[in-house]
Structure formats: C-alpha cells, structure tokens
C-alpha cells in the first residue's frame, strides 16, 4: 500500500513547483520508489519459491520473462497514455497524473485478487 500512496502522491508534487519543499518531496518519493521497487522483485521470487514444489526453474524463468516483458512494455504504454491524456485534457496536471493513477488502480486490483 505504501507503493500505491507514493504513486498517488507523485503527480501532486507539481503543486510544490515554486516551493523549497519540492526537493524534500522528490527525495522522499524517490527513496520510497527506489527501495520499494528494488525489494519487490526479490520478495516475489522468495514467495514463488516457497509456493512451488516442482518445476521451480521453469516457473522462475517464466516469472523473470514476464517481469522483463512488462518492464519493456510499460514505458511505451505509459508514454502513450500520457500523450493521449495531454491531447484530451485541458489541464497538464491531469495528463501528468494519469499514468501514475493507472499504476495505483492496477496495484489495487492485484491486491484485491490476492486477498
């Protein structure tokens, strides 16, 4: 949930554009995203390994392949979403926040499926 909160507050940093608090917000968000993102993949691998009894190598390879595919597709998808929102929306704040809010929605859907 912390990752969802960080992604939801990221677009709001534009409101601090002329404030010295902008750098505090950027450092806080960057640390949370960096630590959370880098620790999520090993955590998922540990969970996957603890759930499986057989075909461990195949499943780890499949999980790594899917993770790499998503990391390759995500920048193109979020960039396209940002471009589409920029052309439709009158306000740039809405367009800048749309990819982040989509990430929050996907995260909450994933959490809902695991509960």
Foldseek 3Di string as FASTA:
>chain_A
DVLLVLLQCVLVLVVCVVPPCSVVNVVVSVVCCVVVVVVPVVVVLVVLVVVDDPPNVVVVVVVVVVVVVCVVCLVVVLVVQLVVCVVPDPDNSCSVSVSSVVVSVVVVVVVVVVD
